[in-house]
Amino acid sequence: MPYDIQLGERINEIIKSKKVPFYSKKMMGGLIFMVNEKMTCGIHIDKKYGDSLLMVKIGMPAYEEEIKKDVCLPMDFTGRPMKGYIFITPSGFDLESDLEYWIDKALDFNKMTE
């Protein structure tokens, strides 16, 4: 399984509940969620970490604050972290309220960049 299907369903339900037009797309061995034709969040199984990670695009101001949390990792595919993107480890999205927090962060940033 290239990504956590159950996590994908959870994300799908939360975004639907926000009444935001979106679609999902398989990409980079994972699943991403597109809002306003922009990658907003997604799922990635990180070989180095060895588990499913939640990816969220939150922008640099939020990144600087959130990266300090134990559940957060820089999003790094190429040896250089991608600015404004962050990975969340499973303990950071186990609870629905935690997953919704991260999705809200991503959706809020997406609204700012419309």
Protein backbone atom coordinates (compact mmCIF):
# COMPACT_ATOMS: atom_id res chain seq x y z
CA MET A 1 0.00 0.00 0.00
CA PRO A 2 1.64 3.26 -1.10
CA TYR A 3 -0.22 5.40 1.45
CA ASP A 4 -2.62 5.01 4.40
CA ILE A 5 -6.07 4.65 2.80
CA GLN A 6 -7.87 5.12 6.14
CA LEU A 7 -6.04 8.40 6.72
CA GLY A 8 -7.04 9.47 3.21
CA GLU A 9 -10.69 8.80 4.06
CA ARG A 10 -10.39 10.79 7.30
CA ILE A 11 -8.89 13.77 5.45
CA ASN A 12 -11.56 13.49 2.76
CA GLU A 13 -14.35 13.62 5.36
CA ILE A 14 -12.87 16.62 7.19
CA ILE A 15 -12.41 18.65 4.01
CA LYS A 16 -15.94 17.72 2.87
CA SER A 17 -17.29 18.97 6.22
CA LYS A 18 -15.66 22.36 5.51
CA LYS A 19 -17.76 22.68 2.31
CA VAL A 20 -14.61 23.40 0.30
CA PRO A 21 -14.39 22.24 -3.33
CA PHE A 22 -11.45 19.85 -3.64
CA TYR A 23 -10.23 16.69 -5.28
CA SER A 24 -7.63 14.11 -4.44
CA LYS A 25 -4.86 12.95 -6.69
CA LYS A 26 -2.28 10.16 -6.45
CA MET A 27 1.15 11.70 -6.66
CA MET A 28 4.72 10.88 -5.59
CA GLY A 29 3.64 7.49 -4.21
CA GLY A 30 1.10 9.17 -1.97
CA LEU A 31 -2.20 10.97 -2.07
CA ILE A 32 -2.61 14.73 -2.21
CA PHE A 33 -5.64 16.95 -1.80
CA MET A 34 -6.02 19.87 -4.16
CA VAL A 35 -7.96 23.04 -3.26
CA ASN A 36 -8.06 25.97 -5.70
CA GLU A 37 -5.79 23.89 -7.97
CA LYS A 38 -3.07 23.97 -5.28
CA MET A 39 -1.61 21.14 -3.23
CA THR A 40 -2.99 21.72 0.25
CA CYS A 41 -2.29 18.53 2.20
CA GLY A 42 -1.48 14.92 1.58
CA ILE A 43 -0.20 11.57 2.77
CA HIS A 44 3.26 10.21 2.21
CA ILE A 45 4.97 7.07 3.48
CA ASP A 46 8.47 8.19 4.29
CA LYS A 47 11.07 5.46 3.82
CA LYS A 48 13.49 7.17 6.18
CA TYR A 49 10.86 7.62 8.91
CA GLY A 50 9.18 4.29 8.14
CA ASP A 51 5.55 5.36 8.54
CA SER A 52 2.77 7.44 7.02
CA LEU A 53 3.26 11.15 7.40
CA LEU A 54 0.71 13.90 6.92
CA MET A 55 1.98 16.67 4.67
CA VAL A 56 0.50 20.15 5.01
CA LYS A 57 1.27 23.38 3.18
CA ILE A 58 1.05 26.07 5.88
CA GLY A 59 3.35 28.85 4.65
CA MET A 60 6.50 30.22 6.26
CA PRO A 61 5.12 32.25 9.19
CA ALA A 62 3.17 29.22 10.50
CA TYR A 63 6.03 26.87 9.61
CA GLU A 64 8.47 28.74 11.85
CA GLU A 65 6.16 28.21 14.84
CA GLU A 66 4.86 24.70 14.10
CA ILE A 67 8.24 23.09 13.28
CA LYS A 68 9.13 23.46 16.96
CA LYS A 69 6.56 20.80 17.88
CA ASP A 70 7.78 17.25 18.50
CA VAL A 71 5.29 15.85 15.97
CA CYS A 72 6.59 18.02 13.11
CA LEU A 73 9.37 17.31 10.61
CA PRO A 74 10.66 19.38 7.70
CA MET A 75 9.25 18.18 4.37
CA ASP A 76 12.39 16.99 2.67
CA PHE A 77 12.38 14.88 -0.50
CA THR A 78 15.64 16.06 -2.05
CA GLY A 79 17.95 16.94 0.83
CA ARG A 80 16.54 20.47 1.06
CA PRO A 81 13.37 21.13 3.06
CA MET A 82 10.53 22.64 1.02
CA LYS A 83 9.67 26.08 2.36
CA GLY A 84 6.24 26.37 3.94
CA TYR A 85 5.54 22.62 3.88
CA ILE A 86 5.69 20.38 6.93
CA PHE A 87 5.35 16.68 7.74
CA ILE A 88 3.35 15.58 10.79
CA THR A 89 4.13 12.24 12.44
CA PRO A 90 1.24 9.87 13.28
CA SER A 91 1.03 10.89 16.93
CA GLY A 92 0.28 14.41 15.69
CA PHE A 93 -2.89 13.37 13.84
CA ASP A 94 -4.20 10.32 15.72
CA LEU A 95 -7.10 12.28 17.17
CA GLU A 96 -9.69 13.74 14.81
CA SER A 97 -9.28 17.12 16.49
CA ASP A 98 -5.52 17.03 15.78
CA LEU A 99 -6.03 16.05 12.14
CA GLU A 100 -8.62 18.79 11.75
CA TYR A 101 -6.18 21.32 13.28
CA TRP A 102 -3.61 20.58 10.56
CA ILE A 103 -6.15 20.57 7.75
CA ASP A 104 -7.49 23.92 8.99
CA LYS A 105 -3.94 25.30 8.94
CA ALA A 106 -3.51 24.16 5.34
CA LEU A 107 -6.91 25.49 4.24
CA ASP A 108 -6.28 28.83 5.96
CA PHE A 109 -2.98 29.23 4.13
CA ASN A 110 -4.63 28.25 0.84
CA LYS A 111 -7.23 31.03 1.33
CA MET A 112 -4.44 33.58 1.88
CA THR A 113 -2.79 32.64 -1.42
CA GLU A 114 -5.91 32.72 -3.65
